[in-house]
PDB file of N, CA and C in Angstrom:
ATOM      1  N   MET A   1     -12.286  -8.506  49.500  1.00  0.00           N
ATOM      2  CA  MET A   1     -13.278  -9.053  49.695  1.00  0.00           C
ATOM      3  C   MET A   1     -13.545 -10.097  48.640  1.00  0.00           C
ATOM      4  N   ASP A   2     -14.348 -11.410  48.868  1.00  0.00           N
ATOM      5  CA  ASP A   2     -14.376 -11.908  48.122  1.00  0.00           C
ATOM      6  C   ASP A   2     -15.973 -12.216  48.038  1.00  0.00           C
ATOM      7  N   ALA A   3     -16.602 -12.671  46.954  1.00  0.00           N
ATOM      8  CA  ALA A   3     -18.359 -12.583  46.785  1.00  0.00           C
ATOM      9  C   ALA A   3     -18.006 -13.716  46.849  1.00  0.00           C
ATOM     10  N   LYS A   4     -19.360 -14.456  46.758  1.00  0.00           N
ATOM     11  CA  LYS A   4     -19.943 -16.069  46.131  1.00  0.00           C
ATOM     12  C   LYS A   4     -20.373 -15.610  44.600  1.00  0.00           C
ATOM     13  N   ILE A   5     -20.615 -16.718  43.645  1.00  0.00           N
ATOM     14  CA  ILE A   5     -20.582 -16.666  42.852  1.00  0.00           C
ATOM     15  C   ILE A   5     -21.281 -18.205  42.059  1.00  0.00           C
ATOM     16  N   THR A   6     -22.499 -18.772  41.290  1.00  0.00           N
ATOM     17  CA  THR A   6     -22.769 -19.721  41.428  1.00  0.00           C
ATOM     18  C   THR A   6     -22.834 -19.660  39.583  1.00  0.00           C
ATOM     19  N   LEU A   7     -22.306 -20.755  38.858  1.00  0.00           N
ATOM     20  CA  LEU A   7     -22.040 -20.883  37.844  1.00  0.00           C
ATOM     21  C   LEU A   7     -22.324 -22.396  37.273  1.00  0.00           C
ATOM     22  N   SER A   8     -22.708 -22.341  36.258  1.00  0.00           N
ATOM     23  CA  SER A   8     -23.163 -23.973  35.875  1.00  0.00           C
ATOM     24  C   SER A   8     -22.055 -24.411  34.514  1.00  0.00           C
ATOM     25  N   PHE A   9     -21.812 -25.450  34.526  1.00  0.00           N
ATOM     26  CA  PHE A   9     -20.668 -25.940  33.249  1.00  0.00           C
ATOM     27  C   PHE A   9     -21.324 -27.472  32.972  1.00  0.00           C
ATOM     28  N   GLU A  10     -20.537 -28.152  31.769  1.00  0.00           N
ATOM     29  CA  GLU A  10     -20.806 -29.280  31.447  1.00  0.00           C
ATOM     30  C   GLU A  10     -19.903 -29.931  32.495  1.00  0.00           C
ATOM     31  N   LYS A  11     -19.865 -31.077  33.304  1.00  0.00           N
ATOM     32  CA  LYS A  11     -19.442 -32.115  34.466  1.00  0.00           C
ATOM     33  C   LYS A  11     -17.941 -32.345  33.653  1.00  0.00           C
ATOM     34  N   GLU A  12     -17.610 -32.378  32.723  1.00  0.00           N
ATOM     35  CA  GLU A  12     -16.878 -33.084  31.937  1.00  0.00           C
ATOM     36  C   GLU A  12     -15.291 -31.926  32.058  1.00  0.00           C
ATOM     37  N   VAL A  13     -16.533 -30.497  31.987  1.00  0.00           N
ATOM     38  CA  VAL A  13     -15.646 -29.247  31.579  1.00  0.00           C
ATOM     39  C   VAL A  13     -14.578 -29.251  33.080  1.00  0.00           C
ATOM     40  N   ILE A  14     -16.127 -29.350  33.826  1.00  0.00           N
ATOM     41  CA  ILE A  14     -15.394 -28.589  35.578  1.00  0.00           C
ATOM     42  C   ILE A  14     -14.199 -29.876  35.696  1.00  0.00           C
ATOM     43  N   GLU A  15     -14.522 -31.218  35.405  1.00  0.00           N
ATOM     44  CA  GLU A  15     -13.380 -32.304  35.801  1.00  0.00           C
ATOM     45  C   GLU A  15     -12.191 -31.728  35.449  1.00  0.00           C
ATOM     46  N   LYS A  16     -12.194 -31.692  34.166  1.00  0.00           N
ATOM     47  CA  LYS A  16     -10.819 -30.864  33.199  1.00  0.00           C
ATOM     48  C   LYS A  16     -10.144 -29.518  34.078  1.00  0.00           C
ATOM     49  N   ALA A  17     -11.323 -28.821  34.187  1.00  0.00           N
ATOM     50  CA  ALA A  17     -10.764 -27.704  34.721  1.00  0.00           C
ATOM     51  C   ALA A  17     -10.033 -27.870  36.072  1.00  0.00           C
ATOM     52  N   LYS A  18     -10.771 -28.300  36.971  1.00  0.00           N
ATOM     53  CA  LYS A  18     -10.006 -28.759  38.330  1.00  0.00           C
ATOM     54  C   LYS A  18      -8.887 -29.585  38.551  1.00  0.00           C
ATOM     55  N   GLN A  19      -8.993 -30.465  37.441  1.00  0.00           N
ATOM     56  CA  GLN A  19      -7.064 -31.023  37.334  1.00  0.00           C
ATOM     57  C   GLN A  19      -6.238 -30.411  36.741  1.00  0.00           C
ATOM     58  N   TYR A  20      -6.872 -29.369  35.535  1.00  0.00           N
ATOM     59  CA  TYR A  20      -5.723 -28.380  35.667  1.00  0.00           C
ATOM     60  C   TYR A  20      -5.558 -26.629  36.802  1.00  0.00           C
ATOM     61  N   ALA A  21      -6.227 -26.869  37.142  1.00  0.00           N
ATOM     62  CA  ALA A  21      -5.968 -25.653  38.632  1.00  0.00           C
ATOM     63  C   ALA A  21      -4.887 -26.669  39.631  1.00  0.00           C
ATOM     64  N   ASP A  22      -5.401 -27.952  39.781  1.00  0.00           N
ATOM     65  CA  ASP A  22      -4.618 -28.659  40.867  1.00  0.00           C
ATOM     66  C   ASP A  22      -3.285 -28.806  40.132  1.00  0.00           C
ATOM     67  N   ALA A  23      -2.974 -29.241  38.737  1.00  0.00           N
ATOM     68  CA  ALA A  23      -1.380 -29.546  38.237  1.00  0.00           C
ATOM     69  C   ALA A  23      -0.963 -28.049  38.489  1.00  0.00           C
ATOM     70  N   GLN A  24      -1.867 -26.710  38.510  1.00  0.00           N
ATOM     71  CA  GLN A  24      -1.067 -24.992  38.831  1.00  0.00           C
ATOM     72  C   GLN A  24      -0.852 -24.990  40.639  1.00  0.00           C
ATOM     73  N   ASN A  25      -1.115 -25.962  41.317  1.00  0.00           N
ATOM     74  CA  ASN A  25      -1.410 -25.550  42.572  1.00  0.00           C
ATOM     75  C   ASN A  25      -1.810 -24.173  43.139  1.00  0.00           C
ATOM     76  N   ILE A  26      -3.109 -24.188  42.124  1.00  0.00           N
ATOM     77  CA  ILE A  26      -4.458 -23.132  42.649  1.00  0.00           C
ATOM     78  C   ILE A  26      -5.339 -24.101  42.586  1.00  0.00           C
ATOM     79  N   SER A  27      -6.845 -22.670  43.193  1.00  0.00           N
ATOM     80  CA  SER A  27      -8.102 -23.497  43.478  1.00  0.00           C
ATOM     81  C   SER A  27      -8.810 -23.212  41.740  1.00  0.00           C
ATOM     82  N   LEU A  28      -9.600 -23.749  42.002  1.00  0.00           N
ATOM     83  CA  LEU A  28     -10.858 -23.680  40.424  1.00  0.00           C
ATOM     84  C   LEU A  28     -11.642 -22.126  40.814  1.00  0.00           C
ATOM     85  N   SER A  29     -11.488 -22.222  42.215  1.00  0.00           N
ATOM     86  CA  SER A  29     -12.336 -20.831  42.120  1.00  0.00           C
ATOM     87  C   SER A  29     -11.165 -19.482  41.870  1.00  0.00           C
ATOM     88  N   ARG A  30     -10.183 -19.230  42.440  1.00  0.00           N
ATOM     89  CA  ARG A  30      -9.006 -18.680  41.617  1.00  0.00           C
ATOM     90  C   ARG A  30      -8.218 -18.669  40.297  1.00  0.00           C
ATOM     91  N   LEU A  31      -8.408 -19.732  39.440  1.00  0.00           N
ATOM     92  CA  LEU A  31      -8.254 -19.856  38.314  1.00  0.00           C
ATOM     93  C   LEU A  31      -9.366 -19.074  37.645  1.00  0.00           C
ATOM     94  N   THR A  32     -10.778 -19.392  38.386  1.00  0.00           N
ATOM     95  CA  THR A  32     -11.834 -18.634  36.868  1.00  0.00           C
ATOM     96  C   THR A  32     -11.768 -17.103  37.475  1.00  0.00           C
ATOM     97  N   GLU A  33     -11.411 -16.746  38.513  1.00  0.00           N
ATOM     98  CA  GLU A  33     -11.239 -15.313  39.205  1.00  0.00           C
ATOM     99  C   GLU A  33     -10.123 -14.653  38.043  1.00  0.00           C
ATOM    100  N   TYR A  34      -8.744 -15.478  38.126  1.00  0.00           N
ATOM    101  CA  TYR A  34      -7.784 -14.836  37.370  1.00  0.00           C
ATOM    102  C   TYR A  34      -8.238 -14.934  35.794  1.00  0.00           C
ATOM    103  N   LEU A  35      -8.937 -15.494  35.388  1.00  0.00           N
ATOM    104  CA  LEU A  35      -9.815 -15.279  33.825  1.00  0.00           C
ATOM    105  C   LEU A  35     -10.420 -14.233  33.612  1.00  0.00           C
ATOM    106  N   TYR A  36     -11.497 -14.061  34.537  1.00  0.00           N
ATOM    107  CA  TYR A  36     -12.369 -13.207  34.698  1.00  0.00           C
ATOM    108  C   TYR A  36     -11.432 -11.632  35.123  1.00  0.00           C
ATOM    109  N   ARG A  37     -10.393 -11.742  35.602  1.00  0.00           N
ATOM    110  CA  ARG A  37      -9.435 -10.328  35.576  1.00  0.00           C
ATOM    111  C   ARG A  37      -8.869  -9.933  34.470  1.00  0.00           C
ATOM    112  N   GLN A  38      -8.458 -11.089  33.700  1.00  0.00           N
ATOM    113  CA  GLN A  38      -8.015 -11.227  32.330  1.00  0.00           C
ATOM    114  C   GLN A  38      -9.031 -10.080  31.355  1.00  0.00           C
ATOM    115  N   ILE A  39     -10.102 -10.549  31.561  1.00  0.00           N
ATOM    116  CA  ILE A  39     -11.425 -10.154  30.403  1.00  0.00           C
ATOM    117  C   ILE A  39     -11.568  -8.906  30.650  1.00  0.00           C
ATOM    118  N   THR A  40     -11.505  -8.680  31.838  1.00  0.00           N
ATOM    119  CA  THR A  40     -12.024  -7.169  32.135  1.00  0.00           C
ATOM    120  C   THR A  40     -11.102  -5.827  32.353  1.00  0.00           C
ATOM    121  N   SER A  41      -9.268  -6.300  32.388  1.00  0.00           N
ATOM    122  CA  SER A  41      -8.157  -5.973  32.351  1.00  0.00           C
ATOM    123  C   SER A  41      -7.927  -5.041  31.332  1.00  0.00           C
ATOM    124  N   ASN A  42      -8.744  -5.867  29.996  1.00  0.00           N
ATOM    125  CA  ASN A  42      -8.837  -4.840  28.518  1.00  0.00           C
ATOM    126  C   ASN A  42      -9.905  -4.514  28.300  1.00  0.00           C
ATOM    127  N   GLN A  43      -9.252  -4.213  26.788  1.00  0.00           N
ATOM    128  CA  GLN A  43     -11.033  -3.419  26.039  1.00  0.00           C
ATOM    129  C   GLN A  43     -11.266  -4.536  24.971  1.00  0.00           C
ATOM    130  N   TYR A  44     -11.896  -5.621  24.973  1.00  0.00           N
ATOM    131  CA  TYR A  44     -12.589  -6.078  24.585  1.00  0.00           C
ATOM    132  C   TYR A  44     -13.708  -6.138  23.890  1.00  0.00           C
ATOM    133  N   GLN A  45     -14.267  -5.927  22.761  1.00  0.00           N
ATOM    134  CA  GLN A  45     -15.636  -5.649  22.329  1.00  0.00           C
ATOM    135  C   GLN A  45     -16.403  -6.868  22.128  1.00  0.00           C
ATOM    136  N   SER A  46     -15.829  -7.830  21.613  1.00  0.00           N
ATOM    137  CA  SER A  46     -16.284  -9.333  22.075  1.00  0.00           C
ATOM    138  C   SER A  46     -15.149 -10.217  22.308  1.00  0.00           C
ATOM    139  N   LEU A  47     -16.125 -11.531  22.608  1.00  0.00           N
ATOM    140  CA  LEU A  47     -15.446 -12.796  22.965  1.00  0.00           C
ATOM    141  C   LEU A  47     -14.424 -13.002  21.777  1.00  0.00           C
ATOM    142  N   GLU A  48     -14.851 -13.016  20.504  1.00  0.00           N
ATOM    143  CA  GLU A  48     -14.179 -13.533  19.510  1.00  0.00           C
ATOM    144  C   GLU A  48     -12.867 -12.627  19.353  1.00  0.00           C
ATOM    145  N   GLU A  49     -12.396 -11.422  20.403  1.00  0.00           N
ATOM    146  CA  GLU A  49     -11.499 -10.668  20.329  1.00  0.00           C
ATOM    147  C   GLU A  49      -9.714 -11.241  21.413  1.00  0.00           C
ATOM    148  N   TRP A  50     -10.815 -11.612  22.643  1.00  0.00           N
ATOM    149  CA  TRP A  50     -10.174 -12.269  23.743  1.00  0.00           C
ATOM    150  C   TRP A  50      -8.748 -13.119  23.087  1.00  0.00           C
ATOM    151  N   PRO A  51      -8.169 -13.102  23.615  1.00  0.00           N
ATOM    152  CA  PRO A  51      -6.683 -13.977  23.257  1.00  0.00           C
ATOM    153  C   PRO A  51      -7.418 -15.463  24.575  1.00  0.00           C
ATOM    154  N   ILE A  52      -7.868 -16.365  23.543  1.00  0.00           N
ATOM    155  CA  ILE A  52      -7.797 -17.746  24.551  1.00  0.00           C
ATOM    156  C   ILE A  52      -6.748 -18.571  24.593  1.00  0.00           C
ATOM    157  N   ALA A  53      -5.987 -18.611  26.310  1.00  0.00           N
ATOM    158  CA  ALA A  53      -4.876 -18.954  26.897  1.00  0.00           C
ATOM    159  C   ALA A  53      -4.716 -20.601  26.377  1.00  0.00           C
ATOM    160  N   ASP A  54      -3.884 -21.489  25.978  1.00  0.00           N
ATOM    161  CA  ASP A  54      -3.880 -22.735  25.715  1.00  0.00           C
ATOM    162  C   ASP A  54      -4.659 -23.316  26.915  1.00  0.00           C
ATOM    163  N   TRP A  55      -4.776 -23.444  27.974  1.00  0.00           N
ATOM    164  CA  TRP A  55      -5.325 -23.960  29.280  1.00  0.00           C
ATOM    165  C   TRP A  55      -6.283 -24.527  28.636  1.00  0.00           C
ATOM    166  N   VAL A  56      -7.566 -23.203  28.036  1.00  0.00           N
ATOM    167  CA  VAL A  56      -8.629 -22.938  27.370  1.00  0.00           C
ATOM    168  C   VAL A  56      -9.046 -24.259  26.682  1.00  0.00           C
ATOM    169  N   SER A  57      -7.973 -24.434  25.772  1.00  0.00           N
ATOM    170  CA  SER A  57      -8.238 -25.031  24.435  1.00  0.00           C
ATOM    171  C   SER A  57      -7.625 -26.661  24.906  1.00  0.00           C
ATOM    172  N   GLN A  58      -7.288 -27.056  26.157  1.00  0.00           N
ATOM    173  CA  GLN A  58      -7.090 -28.571  27.241  1.00  0.00           C
ATOM    174  C   GLN A  58      -8.210 -28.204  27.882  1.00  0.00           C
ATOM    175  N   VAL A  59      -8.597 -27.135  28.509  1.00  0.00           N
ATOM    176  CA  VAL A  59     -10.295 -27.575  29.003  1.00  0.00           C
ATOM    177  C   VAL A  59     -11.242 -28.331  27.586  1.00  0.00           C
ATOM    178  N   SER A  60     -11.200 -27.385  27.274  1.00  0.00           N
ATOM    179  CA  SER A  60     -12.950 -27.304  26.347  1.00  0.00           C
ATOM    180  C   SER A  60     -12.246 -28.497  24.897  1.00  0.00           C
ATOM    181  N   GLU A  61     -13.877 -29.025  24.269  1.00  0.00           N
ATOM    182  CA  GLU A  61     -13.704 -29.650  23.305  1.00  0.00           C
ATOM    183  C   GLU A  61     -14.550 -28.978  22.575  1.00  0.00           C
ATOM    184  N   GLY A  62     -14.167 -28.776  21.489  1.00  0.00           N
ATOM    185  CA  GLY A  62     -15.240 -28.405  20.104  1.00  0.00           C
ATOM    186  C   GLY A  62     -15.416 -27.077  20.349  1.00  0.00           C
ATOM    187  N   ALA A  63     -16.353 -26.585  19.342  1.00  0.00           N
ATOM    188  CA  ALA A  63     -16.350 -24.478  19.396  1.00  0.00           C
ATOM    189  C   ALA A  63     -17.503 -24.823  20.460  1.00  0.00           C
ATOM    190  N   ALA A  64     -16.493 -22.993  20.894  1.00  0.00           N
ATOM    191  CA  ALA A  64     -17.289 -22.937  22.248  1.00  0.00           C
ATOM    192  C   ALA A  64     -18.429 -22.566  21.544  1.00  0.00           C
ATOM    193  N   GLU A  65     -19.572 -22.285  23.032  1.00  0.00           N
ATOM    194  CA  GLU A  65     -21.093 -22.117  22.974  1.00  0.00           C
ATOM    195  C   GLU A  65     -21.154 -21.277  23.589  1.00  0.00           C
ATOM    196  N   TYR A  66     -21.630 -19.700  23.155  1.00  0.00           N
ATOM    197  CA  TYR A  66     -22.697 -19.105  24.253  1.00  0.00           C
ATOM    198  C   TYR A  66     -23.829 -19.112  24.526  1.00  0.00           C
ATOM    199  N   ARG A  67     -24.609 -19.247  25.518  1.00  0.00           N
ATOM    200  CA  ARG A  67     -26.059 -19.468  26.032  1.00  0.00           C
ATOM    201  C   ARG A  67     -25.876 -18.114  26.769  1.00  0.00           C
ATOM    202  N   THR A  68     -26.489 -17.503  26.503  1.00  0.00           N
ATOM    203  CA  THR A  68     -27.492 -16.536  27.400  1.00  0.00           C
ATOM    204  C   THR A  68     -28.740 -16.384  27.598  1.00  0.00           C
ATOM    205  N   LYS A  69     -29.103 -16.294  28.429  1.00  0.00           N
ATOM    206  CA  LYS A  69     -30.482 -16.277  28.712  1.00  0.00           C
ATOM    207  C   LYS A  69     -31.535 -15.052  28.264  1.00  0.00           C
ATOM    208  N   SER A  70     -32.365 -14.914  27.868  1.00  0.00           N
ATOM    209  CA  SER A  70     -33.190 -13.748  27.038  1.00  0.00           C
ATOM    210  C   SER A  70     -33.734 -13.105  28.541  1.00  0.00           C
ATOM    211  N   GLN A  71     -33.475 -11.800  28.118  1.00  0.00           N
ATOM    212  CA  GLN A  71     -34.130 -10.877  28.782  1.00  0.00           C
ATOM    213  C   GLN A  71     -35.137  -9.733  28.690  1.00  0.00           C
ATOM    214  N   SER A  72     -35.982  -9.495  29.459  1.00  0.00           N
ATOM    215  CA  SER A  72     -36.865  -8.959  29.401  1.00  0.00           C
ATOM    216  C   SER A  72     -36.289  -7.261  28.726  1.00  0.00           C
ATOM    217  N   ARG A  73     -37.367  -6.841  27.863  1.00  0.00           N
ATOM    218  CA  ARG A  73     -37.732  -5.728  28.069  1.00  0.00           C
ATOM    219  C   ARG A  73     -37.187  -4.272  28.563  1.00  0.00           C
ATOM    220  N   LYS A  74     -37.869  -4.965  29.996  1.00  0.00           N
ATOM    221  CA  LYS A  74     -37.717  -3.689  31.344  1.00  0.00           C
ATOM    222  C   LYS A  74     -36.115  -3.651  31.674  1.00  0.00           C
ATOM    223  N   ASP A  75     -35.809  -5.020  31.607  1.00  0.00           N
ATOM    224  CA  ASP A  75     -34.103  -5.372  32.436  1.00  0.00           C
ATOM    225  C   ASP A  75     -33.246  -4.948  30.964  1.00  0.00           C
ATOM    226  N   LEU A  76     -33.461  -5.412  29.803  1.00  0.00           N
ATOM    227  CA  LEU A  76     -32.478  -4.482  28.946  1.00  0.00           C
ATOM    228  C   LEU A  76     -32.325  -2.667  28.953  1.00  0.00           C
ATOM    229  N   LYS A  77     -33.363  -2.506  29.329  1.00  0.00           N
ATOM    230  CA  LYS A  77     -33.521  -1.045  29.364  1.00  0.00           C
ATOM    231  C   LYS A  77     -32.514  -0.583  30.655  1.00  0.00           C
ATOM    232  N   GLN A  78     -32.806  -1.173  32.149  1.00  0.00           N
ATOM    233  CA  GLN A  78     -32.057  -0.903  32.870  1.00  0.00           C
ATOM    234  C   GLN A  78     -30.980  -1.071  32.791  1.00  0.00           C
ATOM    235  N   ALA A  79     -30.464  -2.200  31.980  1.00  0.00           N
ATOM    236  CA  ALA A  79     -29.055  -2.323  32.128  1.00  0.00           C
ATOM    237  C   ALA A  79     -27.974  -1.202  31.286  1.00  0.00           C
ATOM    238  N   PHE A  80     -28.940  -0.975  30.081  1.00  0.00           N
ATOM    239  CA  PHE A  80     -29.016   0.158  29.022  1.00  0.00           C
ATOM    240  C   PHE A  80     -28.249   1.325  30.141  1.00  0.00           C
ATOM    241  N   PHE A  81     -29.169   1.553  30.800  1.00  0.00           N
ATOM    242  CA  PHE A  81     -28.623   3.072  31.600  1.00  0.00           C
ATOM    243  C   PHE A  81     -28.278   2.925  32.590  1.00  0.00           C
ATOM    244  N   ASN A  82     -28.034   1.706  33.365  1.00  0.00           N
ATOM    245  CA  ASN A  82     -27.300   1.472  34.125  1.00  0.00           C
ATOM    246  C   ASN A  82     -25.656   1.890  34.032  1.00  0.00           C
ATOM    247  N   ASN A  83     -25.467   1.123  32.648  1.00  0.00           N
ATOM    248  CA  ASN A  83     -24.178   0.799  32.185  1.00  0.00           C
ATOM    249  C   ASN A  83     -23.449   2.470  31.659  1.00  0.00           C
ATOM    250  N   LYS A  84     -24.841   3.285  31.430  1.00  0.00           N
ATOM    251  CA  LYS A  84     -24.783   4.905  31.245  1.00  0.00           C
ATOM    252  C   LYS A  84     -24.093   5.428  31.985  1.00  0.00           C
ATOM    253  N   LYS A  85     -24.026   4.852  33.444  1.00  0.00           N
ATOM    254  CA  LYS A  85     -23.304   5.812  34.306  1.00  0.00           C
ATOM    255  C   LYS A  85     -21.825   5.931  34.066  1.00  0.00           C
TER     256      LYS A  85
END
């Protein structure tokens, strides 16, 4: 069953990713799903360990920048205990 997710990217990255997906005859959603499957199918400890595919280099420009929202202490504690189960 498919579920929806909302993501925010720079417009230029989205346009290049759409072009790549179109050239591969798949939707941008399926391309994104494929990447998530690749990430979660292996035991990578950090993003630096994940082997970046050639298409990522084609889609992105410059160094990768990982932005995360700061979480409250309560949210961090809850996430920690949820992952322990």
